[in-house]
Amino acid sequence: MGFWDVTLNLLGGFKTTFYIFALTLLFALPLGLVISFGSMSKFTPLRYLVKVFVWIVRGVPLMLQIFIIFYVPGFIFGAPVSSRFNAVIVAFTINYACYFSEIYRGGIENISRSQSEAGEVLVMTKTQIFFRVILLQVIKRITAPMSNEVITLVKDTALARVIMVAEIIKVSEEFVSSYALIWPLFYTGVFYLVFVGILTLLFGYAEKKLDYFKA
């Protein structure tokens, strides 16, 4: 098994890794915002319910959550999740939405009340104040912590292999078992480093573009 053949196989596994990453962000980013609203709700029962849910999800290992999403529906309802890949996406989405919600909440609560009051003086609705006044400032404040979570997500995608989803680490492990080749396992690090490097540059660019919010 030559270097080029290994690279092509690993690229196939990395495609699955990228899909997990992209779909998780696609669903978790908006869901996290909704959860953050719940955790800040003035309706006390809802606020505490959401906070407890977030506490549980953040406190339980993601690997265990993947097992729960994949196996528990079948045990309880007799209707397992349609595929292993879908189970991974659901587990990752819920997990990261809870982490993102706390980042959103911190960003929103740190915006001065005077910002909202200024919008009210201009006879803006609460929705207009949030999207036109608050949201962009929140994005500026959360870019750095959000970038850390996104980079962590890249590496966490490797957990998909625990239910036999063929992401890049799983593919490299097949070379170990089938061909007694261990170097492809270490070679996967190059793919992660390149991907994380690209994301780091993108977040750095985004932070510079948002510098106009500085006082």
C-alpha atoms as a PDB file:
ATOM      1  CA  MET A   1       0.000   0.000   0.000  1.00  0.00           C
ATOM      2  CA  GLY A   2       1.732   3.149  -1.267  1.00  0.00           C
ATOM      3  CA  PHE A   3       1.694   6.695   0.057  1.00  0.00           C
ATOM      4  CA  TRP A   4      -0.691   7.942  -2.634  1.00  0.00           C
ATOM      5  CA  ASP A   5      -3.172   5.112  -2.038  1.00  0.00           C
ATOM      6  CA  VAL A   6      -3.147   5.799   1.709  1.00  0.00           C
ATOM      7  CA  THR A   7      -3.634   9.521   1.091  1.00  0.00           C
ATOM      8  CA  LEU A   8      -6.651   8.926  -1.150  1.00  0.00           C
ATOM      9  CA  ASN A   9      -8.236   6.617   1.418  1.00  0.00           C
ATOM     10  CA  LEU A  10      -7.617   9.105   4.201  1.00  0.00           C
ATOM     11  CA  LEU A  11      -9.124  11.870   2.090  1.00  0.00           C
ATOM     12  CA  GLY A  12     -12.264   9.752   1.860  1.00  0.00           C
ATOM     13  CA  GLY A  13     -12.331   9.496   5.642  1.00  0.00           C
ATOM     14  CA  PHE A  14     -11.630  13.206   5.982  1.00  0.00           C
ATOM     15  CA  LYS A  15     -14.670  13.933   3.825  1.00  0.00           C
ATOM     16  CA  THR A  16     -16.812  12.254   6.492  1.00  0.00           C
ATOM     17  CA  THR A  17     -14.935  14.208   9.175  1.00  0.00           C
ATOM     18  CA  PHE A  18     -15.677  17.450   7.339  1.00  0.00           C
ATOM     19  CA  TYR A  19     -19.369  16.575   6.933  1.00  0.00           C
ATOM     20  CA  ILE A  20     -19.664  15.947  10.672  1.00  0.00           C
ATOM     21  CA  PHE A  21     -17.944  19.265  11.366  1.00  0.00           C
ATOM     22  CA  ALA A  22     -20.006  21.292   8.878  1.00  0.00           C
ATOM     23  CA  LEU A  23     -23.405  19.806   9.737  1.00  0.00           C
ATOM     24  CA  THR A  24     -22.759  20.201  13.461  1.00  0.00           C
ATOM     25  CA  LEU A  25     -22.034  23.905  12.995  1.00  0.00           C
ATOM     26  CA  LEU A  26     -25.004  24.325  10.660  1.00  0.00           C
ATOM     27  CA  PHE A  27     -27.444  22.985  13.262  1.00  0.00           C
ATOM     28  CA  ALA A  28     -25.710  23.831  16.551  1.00  0.00           C
ATOM     29  CA  LEU A  29     -25.071  27.530  15.960  1.00  0.00           C
ATOM     30  CA  PRO A  30     -28.755  28.546  15.617  1.00  0.00           C
ATOM     31  CA  LEU A  31     -29.904  25.969  18.180  1.00  0.00           C
ATOM     32  CA  GLY A  32     -27.380  27.331  20.670  1.00  0.00           C
ATOM     33  CA  LEU A  33     -28.857  30.809  20.251  1.00  0.00           C
ATOM     34  CA  VAL A  34     -32.350  29.465  20.964  1.00  0.00           C
ATOM     35  CA  ILE A  35     -31.087  27.628  24.065  1.00  0.00           C
ATOM     36  CA  SER A  36     -29.346  30.791  25.278  1.00  0.00           C
ATOM     37  CA  PHE A  37     -32.664  32.656  25.078  1.00  0.00           C
ATOM     38  CA  GLY A  38     -34.214  29.915  27.202  1.00  0.00           C
ATOM     39  CA  SER A  39     -31.443  30.172  29.801  1.00  0.00           C
ATOM     40  CA  MET A  40     -32.067  33.936  30.039  1.00  0.00           C
ATOM     41  CA  SER A  41     -35.860  33.685  30.022  1.00  0.00           C
ATOM     42  CA  LYS A  42     -37.808  35.641  32.609  1.00  0.00           C
ATOM     43  CA  PHE A  43     -40.109  32.612  32.929  1.00  0.00           C
ATOM     44  CA  THR A  44     -38.404  30.918  35.870  1.00  0.00           C
ATOM     45  CA  PRO A  45     -39.454  27.266  35.252  1.00  0.00           C
ATOM     46  CA  LEU A  46     -38.213  27.447  31.651  1.00  0.00           C
ATOM     47  CA  ARG A  47     -34.968  29.139  32.682  1.00  0.00           C
ATOM     48  CA  TYR A  48     -34.163  26.487  35.287  1.00  0.00           C
ATOM     49  CA  LEU A  49     -35.201  23.635  32.993  1.00  0.00           C
ATOM     50  CA  VAL A  50     -32.869  24.875  30.262  1.00  0.00           C
ATOM     51  CA  LYS A  51     -30.022  25.466  32.716  1.00  0.00           C
ATOM     52  CA  VAL A  52     -30.341  21.924  34.087  1.00  0.00           C
ATOM     53  CA  PHE A  53     -30.388  20.499  30.561  1.00  0.00           C
ATOM     54  CA  VAL A  54     -27.257  22.461  29.618  1.00  0.00           C
ATOM     55  CA  TRP A  55     -25.559  21.379  32.850  1.00  0.00           C
ATOM     56  CA  ILE A  56     -26.276  17.697  32.106  1.00  0.00           C
ATOM     57  CA  VAL A  57     -25.101  17.873  28.495  1.00  0.00           C
ATOM     58  CA  ARG A  58     -21.916  19.746  29.399  1.00  0.00           C
ATOM     59  CA  GLY A  59     -21.221  17.400  32.283  1.00  0.00           C
ATOM     60  CA  VAL A  60     -21.606  14.087  30.436  1.00  0.00           C
ATOM     61  CA  PRO A  61     -18.798  13.004  28.046  1.00  0.00           C
ATOM     62  CA  LEU A  62     -19.635  13.424  24.378  1.00  0.00           C
ATOM     63  CA  MET A  63     -18.714   9.791  23.744  1.00  0.00           C
ATOM     64  CA  LEU A  64     -21.420   8.660  26.162  1.00  0.00           C
ATOM     65  CA  GLN A  65     -23.918  10.998  24.521  1.00  0.00           C
ATOM     66  CA  ILE A  66     -23.196   9.389  21.156  1.00  0.00           C
ATOM     67  CA  PHE A  67     -23.904   5.957  22.656  1.00  0.00           C
ATOM     68  CA  ILE A  68     -27.136   7.239  24.221  1.00  0.00           C
ATOM     69  CA  ILE A  69     -28.428   8.784  20.993  1.00  0.00           C
ATOM     70  CA  PHE A  70     -27.553   5.711  18.950  1.00  0.00           C
ATOM     71  CA  TYR A  71     -28.659   2.894  21.284  1.00  0.00           C
ATOM     72  CA  VAL A  72     -31.322   4.225  23.680  1.00  0.00           C
ATOM     73  CA  PRO A  73     -34.130   4.961  21.150  1.00  0.00           C
ATOM     74  CA  GLY A  74     -33.943   1.359  19.980  1.00  0.00           C
ATOM     75  CA  PHE A  75     -34.046  -0.023  23.523  1.00  0.00           C
ATOM     76  CA  ILE A  76     -36.924   2.154  24.708  1.00  0.00           C
ATOM     77  CA  PHE A  77     -39.056   2.768  21.618  1.00  0.00           C
ATOM     78  CA  GLY A  78     -37.977  -0.093  19.369  1.00  0.00           C
ATOM     79  CA  ALA A  79     -37.100   2.502  16.729  1.00  0.00           C
ATOM     80  CA  PRO A  80     -33.332   3.026  16.441  1.00  0.00           C
ATOM     81  CA  VAL A  81     -31.837   6.097  14.796  1.00  0.00           C
ATOM     82  CA  SER A  82     -31.907   5.717  11.025  1.00  0.00           C
ATOM     83  CA  SER A  83     -28.120   5.581  10.673  1.00  0.00           C
ATOM     84  CA  ARG A  84     -24.908   5.765  12.660  1.00  0.00           C
ATOM     85  CA  PHE A  85     -23.974   8.986  10.905  1.00  0.00           C
ATOM     86  CA  ASN A  86     -27.289  10.604  11.837  1.00  0.00           C
ATOM     87  CA  ALA A  87     -26.797   9.572  15.463  1.00  0.00           C
ATOM     88  CA  VAL A  88     -23.411  11.274  15.472  1.00  0.00           C
ATOM     89  CA  ILE A  89     -24.866  14.473  13.998  1.00  0.00           C
ATOM     90  CA  VAL A  90     -27.683  14.575  16.573  1.00  0.00           C
ATOM     91  CA  ALA A  91     -25.301  13.974  19.483  1.00  0.00           C
ATOM     92  CA  PHE A  92     -22.752  16.521  18.284  1.00  0.00           C
ATOM     93  CA  THR A  93     -25.442  19.107  17.559  1.00  0.00           C
ATOM     94  CA  ILE A  94     -27.007  18.876  21.017  1.00  0.00           C
ATOM     95  CA  ASN A  95     -23.636  18.862  22.751  1.00  0.00           C
ATOM     96  CA  TYR A  96     -22.163  21.820  20.905  1.00  0.00           C
ATOM     97  CA  ALA A  97     -25.417  23.794  20.944  1.00  0.00           C
ATOM     98  CA  CYS A  98     -25.244  23.735  24.745  1.00  0.00           C
ATOM     99  CA  TYR A  99     -21.645  24.954  24.747  1.00  0.00           C
ATOM    100  CA  PHE A 100     -22.442  27.631  22.173  1.00  0.00           C
ATOM    101  CA  SER A 101     -25.466  28.731  24.220  1.00  0.00           C
ATOM    102  CA  GLU A 102     -23.249  29.595  27.158  1.00  0.00           C
ATOM    103  CA  ILE A 103     -20.951  31.598  24.895  1.00  0.00           C
ATOM    104  CA  TYR A 104     -23.947  33.429  23.422  1.00  0.00           C
ATOM    105  CA  ARG A 105     -25.391  34.075  26.879  1.00  0.00           C
ATOM    106  CA  GLY A 106     -22.125  35.519  28.161  1.00  0.00           C
ATOM    107  CA  GLY A 107     -21.807  37.756  25.118  1.00  0.00           C
ATOM    108  CA  ILE A 108     -25.381  39.027  25.313  1.00  0.00           C
ATOM    109  CA  GLU A 109     -25.350  39.659  29.062  1.00  0.00           C
ATOM    110  CA  ASN A 110     -22.099  41.624  28.802  1.00  0.00           C
ATOM    111  CA  ILE A 111     -23.640  44.171  26.434  1.00  0.00           C
ATOM    112  CA  SER A 112     -24.438  47.362  28.318  1.00  0.00           C
ATOM    113  CA  ARG A 113     -28.110  48.038  29.028  1.00  0.00           C
ATOM    114  CA  SER A 114     -27.560  51.519  27.600  1.00  0.00           C
ATOM    115  CA  GLN A 115     -27.316  49.944  24.137  1.00  0.00           C
ATOM    116  CA  SER A 116     -30.901  48.695  24.367  1.00  0.00           C
ATOM    117  CA  GLU A 117     -32.064  51.973  25.896  1.00  0.00           C
ATOM    118  CA  ALA A 118     -30.563  53.879  22.977  1.00  0.00           C
ATOM    119  CA  GLY A 119     -32.545  51.691  20.593  1.00  0.00           C
ATOM    120  CA  GLU A 120     -35.722  52.296  22.559  1.00  0.00           C
ATOM    121  CA  VAL A 121     -35.160  56.053  22.330  1.00  0.00           C
ATOM    122  CA  LEU A 122     -35.030  55.607  18.546  1.00  0.00           C
ATOM    123  CA  VAL A 123     -38.405  53.810  18.744  1.00  0.00           C
ATOM    124  CA  MET A 124     -36.961  50.494  17.626  1.00  0.00           C
ATOM    125  CA  THR A 125     -38.703  47.220  18.441  1.00  0.00           C
ATOM    126  CA  LYS A 126     -37.008  44.630  20.649  1.00  0.00           C
ATOM    127  CA  THR A 127     -36.328  42.504  17.569  1.00  0.00           C
ATOM    128  CA  GLN A 128     -34.748  45.436  15.735  1.00  0.00           C
ATOM    129  CA  ILE A 129     -32.648  46.325  18.772  1.00  0.00           C
ATOM    130  CA  PHE A 130     -31.361  42.756  19.040  1.00  0.00           C
ATOM    131  CA  PHE A 131     -30.485  42.236  15.384  1.00  0.00           C
ATOM    132  CA  ARG A 132     -29.342  45.774  14.516  1.00  0.00           C
ATOM    133  CA  VAL A 133     -27.702  46.901  17.744  1.00  0.00           C
ATOM    134  CA  ILE A 134     -26.861  43.934  19.975  1.00  0.00           C
ATOM    135  CA  LEU A 135     -26.087  40.991  17.691  1.00  0.00           C
ATOM    136  CA  LEU A 136     -23.048  42.358  15.846  1.00  0.00           C
ATOM    137  CA  GLN A 137     -21.470  43.459  19.128  1.00  0.00           C
ATOM    138  CA  VAL A 138     -22.148  40.010  20.559  1.00  0.00           C
ATOM    139  CA  ILE A 139     -20.455  38.422  17.526  1.00  0.00           C
ATOM    140  CA  LYS A 140     -17.372  40.570  18.152  1.00  0.00           C
ATOM    141  CA  ARG A 141     -17.236  39.523  21.817  1.00  0.00           C
ATOM    142  CA  ILE A 142     -17.738  35.809  21.207  1.00  0.00           C
ATOM    143  CA  THR A 143     -15.437  35.337  18.204  1.00  0.00           C
ATOM    144  CA  ALA A 144     -12.421  34.263  20.296  1.00  0.00           C
ATOM    145  CA  PRO A 145     -14.221  31.767  22.586  1.00  0.00           C
ATOM    146  CA  MET A 146     -16.271  30.496  19.660  1.00  0.00           C
ATOM    147  CA  SER A 147     -13.109  29.842  17.657  1.00  0.00           C
ATOM    148  CA  ASN A 148     -11.803  27.660  20.493  1.00  0.00           C
ATOM    149  CA  GLU A 149     -14.984  25.572  20.490  1.00  0.00           C
ATOM    150  CA  VAL A 150     -14.974  25.236  16.708  1.00  0.00           C
ATOM    151  CA  ILE A 151     -11.363  24.020  16.708  1.00  0.00           C
ATOM    152  CA  THR A 152     -12.230  21.578  19.495  1.00  0.00           C
ATOM    153  CA  LEU A 153     -15.084  20.318  17.313  1.00  0.00           C
ATOM    154  CA  VAL A 154     -12.608  19.481  14.541  1.00  0.00           C
ATOM    155  CA  LYS A 155     -10.765  17.127  16.891  1.00  0.00           C
ATOM    156  CA  ASP A 156     -13.901  15.779  18.559  1.00  0.00           C
ATOM    157  CA  THR A 157     -15.126  14.437  15.210  1.00  0.00           C
ATOM    158  CA  ALA A 158     -12.761  11.513  15.857  1.00  0.00           C
ATOM    159  CA  LEU A 159     -15.246  10.288  18.487  1.00  0.00           C
ATOM    160  CA  ALA A 160     -17.603   9.267  15.685  1.00  0.00           C
ATOM    161  CA  ARG A 161     -15.555   6.107  15.270  1.00  0.00           C
ATOM    162  CA  VAL A 162     -16.905   4.723  18.582  1.00  0.00           C
ATOM    163  CA  ILE A 163     -20.060   3.678  16.707  1.00  0.00           C
ATOM    164  CA  MET A 164     -18.100   2.682  13.596  1.00  0.00           C
ATOM    165  CA  VAL A 165     -18.571   5.838  11.525  1.00  0.00           C
ATOM    166  CA  ALA A 166     -15.688   5.863   9.035  1.00  0.00           C
ATOM    167  CA  GLU A 167     -14.125   9.252   9.759  1.00  0.00           C
ATOM    168  CA  ILE A 168     -10.419   9.744   9.101  1.00  0.00           C
ATOM    169  CA  ILE A 169      -9.105   8.133  12.314  1.00  0.00           C
ATOM    170  CA  LYS A 170     -11.304   5.083  11.764  1.00  0.00           C
ATOM    171  CA  VAL A 171      -9.979   4.734   8.208  1.00  0.00           C
ATOM    172  CA  SER A 172      -6.385   4.967   9.436  1.00  0.00           C
ATOM    173  CA  GLU A 173      -7.050   2.289  12.049  1.00  0.00           C
ATOM    174  CA  GLU A 174      -8.106  -0.065   9.258  1.00  0.00           C
ATOM    175  CA  PHE A 175      -4.619   0.232   7.780  1.00  0.00           C
ATOM    176  CA  VAL A 176      -3.203  -0.830  11.136  1.00  0.00           C
ATOM    177  CA  SER A 177      -5.449  -3.895  11.397  1.00  0.00           C
ATOM    178  CA  SER A 178      -5.431  -4.921   7.720  1.00  0.00           C
ATOM    179  CA  TYR A 179      -1.935  -4.007   6.549  1.00  0.00           C
ATOM    180  CA  ALA A 180       0.050  -3.615   9.804  1.00  0.00           C
ATOM    181  CA  LEU A 181       0.820  -0.021   8.759  1.00  0.00           C
ATOM    182  CA  ILE A 182       0.919   2.357  11.707  1.00  0.00           C
ATOM    183  CA  TRP A 183       2.210   5.477   9.953  1.00  0.00           C
ATOM    184  CA  PRO A 184      -1.192   6.348   8.395  1.00  0.00           C
ATOM    185  CA  LEU A 185      -2.510   6.822  11.943  1.00  0.00           C
ATOM    186  CA  PHE A 186       0.080   9.534  12.576  1.00  0.00           C
ATOM    187  CA  TYR A 187      -0.343  10.899   9.054  1.00  0.00           C
ATOM    188  CA  THR A 188      -3.924  11.904   9.937  1.00  0.00           C
ATOM    189  CA  GLY A 189      -2.418  14.600  12.140  1.00  0.00           C
ATOM    190  CA  VAL A 190      -1.376  16.460   8.991  1.00  0.00           C
ATOM    191  CA  PHE A 191      -5.002  16.668   7.845  1.00  0.00           C
ATOM    192  CA  TYR A 192      -6.127  18.008  11.214  1.00  0.00           C
ATOM    193  CA  LEU A 193      -3.280  20.532  11.365  1.00  0.00           C
ATOM    194  CA  VAL A 194      -4.023  21.890   7.899  1.00  0.00           C
ATOM    195  CA  PHE A 195      -7.751  22.156   8.614  1.00  0.00           C
ATOM    196  CA  VAL A 196      -7.217  23.833  11.993  1.00  0.00           C
ATOM    197  CA  GLY A 197      -4.670  26.171  10.415  1.00  0.00           C
ATOM    198  CA  ILE A 198      -7.202  27.295   7.812  1.00  0.00           C
ATOM    199  CA  LEU A 199      -9.846  27.865  10.500  1.00  0.00           C
ATOM    200  CA  THR A 200      -7.379  29.829  12.622  1.00  0.00           C
ATOM    201  CA  LEU A 201      -6.629  32.132   9.692  1.00  0.00           C
ATOM    202  CA  LEU A 202     -10.348  32.600   8.993  1.00  0.00           C
ATOM    203  CA  PHE A 203     -11.125  33.483  12.610  1.00  0.00           C
ATOM    204  CA  GLY A 204      -8.154  35.846  12.701  1.00  0.00           C
ATOM    205  CA  TYR A 205      -9.495  37.580   9.595  1.00  0.00           C
ATOM    206  CA  ALA A 206     -12.980  37.782  11.138  1.00  0.00           C
ATOM    207  CA  GLU A 207     -11.606  39.369  14.318  1.00  0.00           C
ATOM    208  CA  LYS A 208      -9.793  42.025  12.288  1.00  0.00           C
ATOM    209  CA  LYS A 209     -12.957  42.791  10.293  1.00  0.00           C
ATOM    210  CA  LEU A 210     -14.873  43.282  13.565  1.00  0.00           C
ATOM    211  CA  ASP A 211     -12.282  45.650  15.057  1.00  0.00           C
ATOM    212  CA  TYR A 212     -14.496  48.650  14.219  1.00  0.00           C
ATOM    213  CA  PHE A 213     -16.508  47.836  17.374  1.00  0.00           C
ATOM    214  CA  LYS A 214     -13.582  48.929  19.553  1.00  0.00           C
ATOM    215  CA  ALA A 215     -14.327  51.985  21.665  1.00  0.00           C
END
